Amino acid sequence: ADSTYMPVSAKASMLSARVVTTKGGETEWADMRAALDALDTEARSRVADLSAYHSIAYSQAQAGFESDLGYGMDEAAQLRPLVKVHPET
């Protein structure tokens, strides 16, 4: 999910390409519903009630980016449920 590091998480995500390069520019989407469905009953019950802190500053630092780039870098880490089922989908 996008923007889980923000105080209010996004309702949806969308990708739009106006100009597509012939080299590079790879983007990946993960089917989290399929990932959850692939878990056995025991694994599902272990993660059902877990939460995790989401921090863009932390994840960007792990990727080697500097923390003063904006884009929510100054937001405090947000505690989110590890498994969240969207009420409309």
N, C-alpha and C. Protein backbone atom coordinates (compact mmCIF):
# COMPACT_ATOMS: atom_id res chain seq x y z
N ALA A 1 0.84 -1.18 0.00
CA ALA A 1 0.00 0.00 0.00
C ALA A 1 0.88 1.24 0.00
N ASP A 2 0.42 2.24 -0.66
CA ASP A 2 1.16 3.49 -0.70
C ASP A 2 0.81 4.37 0.49
N SER A 3 1.73 5.18 0.87
CA SER A 3 1.54 6.23 1.88
C SER A 3 1.21 5.69 3.27
N THR A 4 1.62 4.49 3.59
CA THR A 4 1.34 3.96 4.93
C THR A 4 2.13 4.69 6.00
N TYR A 5 3.13 5.46 5.58
CA TYR A 5 3.94 6.23 6.52
C TYR A 5 3.28 7.56 6.89
N MET A 6 2.22 7.95 6.19
CA MET A 6 1.53 9.21 6.47
C MET A 6 0.52 9.01 7.61
N PRO A 7 0.16 10.09 8.31
CA PRO A 7 -0.81 9.95 9.41
C PRO A 7 -2.13 9.32 8.98
N VAL A 8 -2.59 9.62 7.77
CA VAL A 8 -3.80 8.99 7.23
C VAL A 8 -3.37 8.21 5.99
N SER A 9 -3.55 6.90 6.01
CA SER A 9 -3.10 6.09 4.87
C SER A 9 -4.05 6.25 3.68
N ALA A 10 -3.52 6.02 2.50
CA ALA A 10 -4.27 6.19 1.26
C ALA A 10 -5.38 5.15 1.14
N LYS A 11 -6.45 5.54 0.46
CA LYS A 11 -7.55 4.62 0.21
C LYS A 11 -7.24 3.72 -0.99
N ALA A 12 -6.48 4.24 -1.94
CA ALA A 12 -6.17 3.48 -3.15
C ALA A 12 -4.84 3.95 -3.73
N SER A 13 -4.32 3.19 -4.66
CA SER A 13 -3.10 3.56 -5.38
C SER A 13 -3.37 3.49 -6.86
N MET A 14 -2.70 4.35 -7.61
CA MET A 14 -2.88 4.37 -9.05
C MET A 14 -1.53 4.67 -9.70
N LEU A 15 -1.28 4.05 -10.82
CA LEU A 15 -0.06 4.29 -11.58
C LEU A 15 -0.46 4.79 -12.96
N SER A 16 0.12 5.90 -13.37
CA SER A 16 -0.15 6.47 -14.68
C SER A 16 1.17 6.80 -15.35
N ALA A 17 1.35 6.34 -16.58
CA ALA A 17 2.58 6.63 -17.32
C ALA A 17 2.24 7.54 -18.50
N ARG A 18 2.77 8.73 -18.49
CA ARG A 18 2.53 9.67 -19.60
C ARG A 18 3.58 9.52 -20.68
N VAL A 19 4.80 9.27 -20.28
CA VAL A 19 5.89 9.01 -21.22
C VAL A 19 6.61 7.77 -20.71
N VAL A 20 6.75 6.78 -21.55
CA VAL A 20 7.36 5.53 -21.14
C VAL A 20 8.72 5.39 -21.83
N THR A 21 9.74 5.19 -21.04
CA THR A 21 11.09 5.03 -21.57
C THR A 21 11.26 3.65 -22.20
N THR A 22 12.17 3.54 -23.14
CA THR A 22 12.44 2.24 -23.76
C THR A 22 13.45 1.43 -22.95
N LYS A 23 14.15 2.08 -22.02
CA LYS A 23 15.12 1.40 -21.15
C LYS A 23 14.87 1.81 -19.71
N GLY A 24 14.98 0.87 -18.80
CA GLY A 24 14.82 1.18 -17.38
C GLY A 24 13.37 1.52 -17.04
N GLY A 25 13.19 2.18 -15.92
CA GLY A 25 11.86 2.61 -15.51
C GLY A 25 10.98 1.49 -14.99
N GLU A 26 11.59 0.39 -14.57
CA GLU A 26 10.81 -0.74 -14.08
C GLU A 26 10.01 -0.36 -12.83
N THR A 27 8.78 -0.77 -12.81
CA THR A 27 7.90 -0.56 -11.66
C THR A 27 7.25 -1.90 -11.34
N GLU A 28 7.10 -2.20 -10.07
CA GLU A 28 6.50 -3.47 -9.68
C GLU A 28 5.31 -3.22 -8.75
N TRP A 29 4.31 -4.05 -8.89
CA TRP A 29 3.16 -4.05 -7.99
C TRP A 29 3.11 -5.43 -7.35
N ALA A 30 2.72 -5.48 -6.11
CA ALA A 30 2.60 -6.75 -5.40
C ALA A 30 1.12 -7.02 -5.13
N ASP A 31 0.69 -8.23 -5.38
CA ASP A 31 -0.69 -8.63 -5.10
C ASP A 31 -0.74 -9.13 -3.66
N MET A 32 -1.03 -8.22 -2.74
CA MET A 32 -1.01 -8.56 -1.33
C MET A 32 -2.16 -9.48 -0.95
N ARG A 33 -3.25 -9.41 -1.69
CA ARG A 33 -4.36 -10.33 -1.42
C ARG A 33 -3.93 -11.77 -1.72
N ALA A 34 -3.21 -11.96 -2.83
CA ALA A 34 -2.71 -13.29 -3.18
C ALA A 34 -1.68 -13.77 -2.15
N ALA A 35 -0.86 -12.84 -1.67
CA ALA A 35 0.14 -13.21 -0.66
C ALA A 35 -0.55 -13.68 0.62
N LEU A 36 -1.57 -12.97 1.04
CA LEU A 36 -2.31 -13.38 2.25
C LEU A 36 -3.01 -14.71 2.02
N ASP A 37 -3.63 -14.87 0.85
CA ASP A 37 -4.32 -16.12 0.53
C ASP A 37 -3.36 -17.31 0.50
N ALA A 38 -2.10 -17.07 0.16
CA ALA A 38 -1.11 -18.15 0.07
C ALA A 38 -0.63 -18.64 1.43
N LEU A 39 -0.88 -17.86 2.48
CA LEU A 39 -0.45 -18.28 3.82
C LEU A 39 -1.31 -19.42 4.33
N ASP A 40 -0.68 -20.36 5.02
CA ASP A 40 -1.47 -21.42 5.64
C ASP A 40 -2.17 -20.87 6.88
N THR A 41 -3.08 -21.63 7.44
CA THR A 41 -3.89 -21.18 8.57
C THR A 41 -3.04 -20.74 9.75
N GLU A 42 -1.99 -21.51 10.05
CA GLU A 42 -1.13 -21.17 11.19
C GLU A 42 -0.43 -19.83 10.97
N ALA A 43 0.12 -19.62 9.80
CA ALA A 43 0.81 -18.36 9.51
C ALA A 43 -0.16 -17.18 9.55
N ARG A 44 -1.35 -17.38 9.01
CA ARG A 44 -2.36 -16.31 9.03
C ARG A 44 -2.71 -15.92 10.47
N SER A 45 -2.87 -16.90 11.33
CA SER A 45 -3.23 -16.58 12.71
C SER A 45 -2.08 -15.89 13.43
N ARG A 46 -0.82 -16.21 13.07
CA ARG A 46 0.33 -15.55 13.70
C ARG A 46 0.42 -14.08 13.33
N VAL A 47 0.04 -13.72 12.11
CA VAL A 47 0.18 -12.32 11.68
C VAL A 47 -1.10 -11.51 11.83
N ALA A 48 -2.21 -12.15 12.10
CA ALA A 48 -3.51 -11.48 12.11
C ALA A 48 -3.58 -10.26 13.02
N ASP A 49 -2.97 -10.33 14.19
CA ASP A 49 -3.08 -9.23 15.14
C ASP A 49 -1.80 -8.43 15.31
N LEU A 50 -0.82 -8.63 14.41
CA LEU A 50 0.44 -7.90 14.52
C LEU A 50 0.34 -6.51 13.89
N SER A 51 1.17 -5.61 14.38
CA SER A 51 1.28 -4.26 13.83
C SER A 51 2.75 -3.96 13.59
N ALA A 52 3.01 -2.96 12.76
CA ALA A 52 4.38 -2.56 12.47
C ALA A 52 4.43 -1.05 12.27
N TYR A 53 5.56 -0.46 12.62
CA TYR A 53 5.75 0.97 12.38
C TYR A 53 6.22 1.17 10.95
N HIS A 54 5.60 2.09 10.23
CA HIS A 54 5.94 2.41 8.85
C HIS A 54 6.62 3.77 8.83
N SER A 55 7.83 3.82 8.29
CA SER A 55 8.61 5.06 8.23
C SER A 55 9.27 5.18 6.87
N ILE A 56 8.92 6.22 6.11
CA ILE A 56 9.57 6.41 4.82
C ILE A 56 11.03 6.79 5.01
N ALA A 57 11.34 7.53 6.06
CA ALA A 57 12.74 7.92 6.30
C ALA A 57 13.59 6.67 6.50
N TYR A 58 13.08 5.70 7.25
CA TYR A 58 13.83 4.47 7.48
C TYR A 58 14.02 3.68 6.19
N SER A 59 12.93 3.48 5.45
CA SER A 59 13.03 2.66 4.23
C SER A 59 13.90 3.34 3.18
N GLN A 60 13.80 4.66 3.06
CA GLN A 60 14.64 5.37 2.09
C GLN A 60 16.11 5.34 2.49
N ALA A 61 16.38 5.42 3.79
CA ALA A 61 17.77 5.33 4.27
C ALA A 61 18.35 3.95 3.96
N GLN A 62 17.53 2.91 4.08
CA GLN A 62 17.99 1.55 3.76
C GLN A 62 18.35 1.44 2.28
N ALA A 63 17.69 2.25 1.44
CA ALA A 63 17.96 2.23 0.00
C ALA A 63 19.08 3.20 -0.38
N GLY A 64 19.63 3.91 0.61
CA GLY A 64 20.75 4.81 0.35
C GLY A 64 20.38 6.24 0.05
N PHE A 65 19.11 6.60 0.22
CA PHE A 65 18.68 7.97 -0.04
C PHE A 65 18.85 8.82 1.20
N GLU A 66 19.04 10.11 1.00
CA GLU A 66 19.18 11.03 2.13
C GLU A 66 17.81 11.35 2.71
N SER A 67 17.79 11.65 4.00
CA SER A 67 16.51 11.83 4.70
C SER A 67 15.95 13.25 4.60
N ASP A 68 16.59 14.14 3.88
CA ASP A 68 16.09 15.52 3.81
C ASP A 68 15.46 15.84 2.46
N LEU A 69 14.90 14.83 1.80
CA LEU A 69 14.35 15.02 0.47
C LEU A 69 12.88 15.41 0.46
N GLY A 70 12.26 15.56 1.62
CA GLY A 70 10.83 15.87 1.66
C GLY A 70 10.01 14.61 1.52
N TYR A 71 8.87 14.69 0.84
CA TYR A 71 8.00 13.54 0.59
C TYR A 71 7.60 12.80 1.86
N GLY A 72 7.35 13.53 2.93
CA GLY A 72 6.92 12.89 4.16
C GLY A 72 8.05 12.38 5.02
N MET A 73 9.30 12.71 4.66
CA MET A 73 10.45 12.22 5.43
C MET A 73 10.41 12.69 6.88
N ASP A 74 9.76 13.82 7.13
CA ASP A 74 9.72 14.35 8.49
C ASP A 74 8.53 13.82 9.29
N GLU A 75 7.71 12.98 8.68
CA GLU A 75 6.57 12.41 9.39
C GLU A 75 7.04 11.36 10.40
N ALA A 76 6.40 11.34 11.55
CA ALA A 76 6.71 10.31 12.54
C ALA A 76 6.26 8.95 12.01
N ALA A 77 6.94 7.90 12.41
CA ALA A 77 6.56 6.55 11.99
C ALA A 77 5.14 6.26 12.47
N GLN A 78 4.36 5.62 11.62
CA GLN A 78 2.96 5.33 11.93
C GLN A 78 2.80 3.85 12.24
N LEU A 79 2.06 3.55 13.30
CA LEU A 79 1.78 2.16 13.66
C LEU A 79 0.57 1.70 12.84
N ARG A 80 0.77 0.65 12.07
CA ARG A 80 -0.28 0.13 11.19
C ARG A 80 -0.43 -1.37 11.41
N PRO A 81 -1.66 -1.88 11.23
CA PRO A 81 -1.83 -3.33 11.31
C PRO A 81 -1.07 -4.01 10.18
N LEU A 82 -0.47 -5.14 10.45
CA LEU A 82 0.26 -5.87 9.42
C LEU A 82 -0.69 -6.38 8.34
N VAL A 83 -1.88 -6.79 8.75
CA VAL A 83 -2.91 -7.23 7.81
C VAL A 83 -4.09 -6.28 7.96
N LYS A 84 -4.44 -5.64 6.86
CA LYS A 84 -5.58 -4.72 6.86
C LYS A 84 -6.45 -5.05 5.66
N VAL A 85 -7.69 -5.39 5.91
CA VAL A 85 -8.61 -5.73 4.83
C VAL A 85 -9.40 -4.48 4.49
N HIS A 86 -9.36 -4.10 3.21
CA HIS A 86 -10.07 -2.90 2.77
C HIS A 86 -11.57 -3.17 2.83
N PRO A 87 -12.35 -2.30 3.48
CA PRO A 87 -13.78 -2.58 3.67
C PRO A 87 -14.60 -2.56 2.37
N GLU A 88 -14.07 -1.94 1.31
CA GLU A 88 -14.84 -1.85 0.06
C GLU A 88 -14.41 -2.85 -0.99
N THR A 89 -13.31 -3.54 -0.76
CA THR A 89 -12.85 -4.49 -1.78
C THR A 89 -12.76 -5.87 -1.17
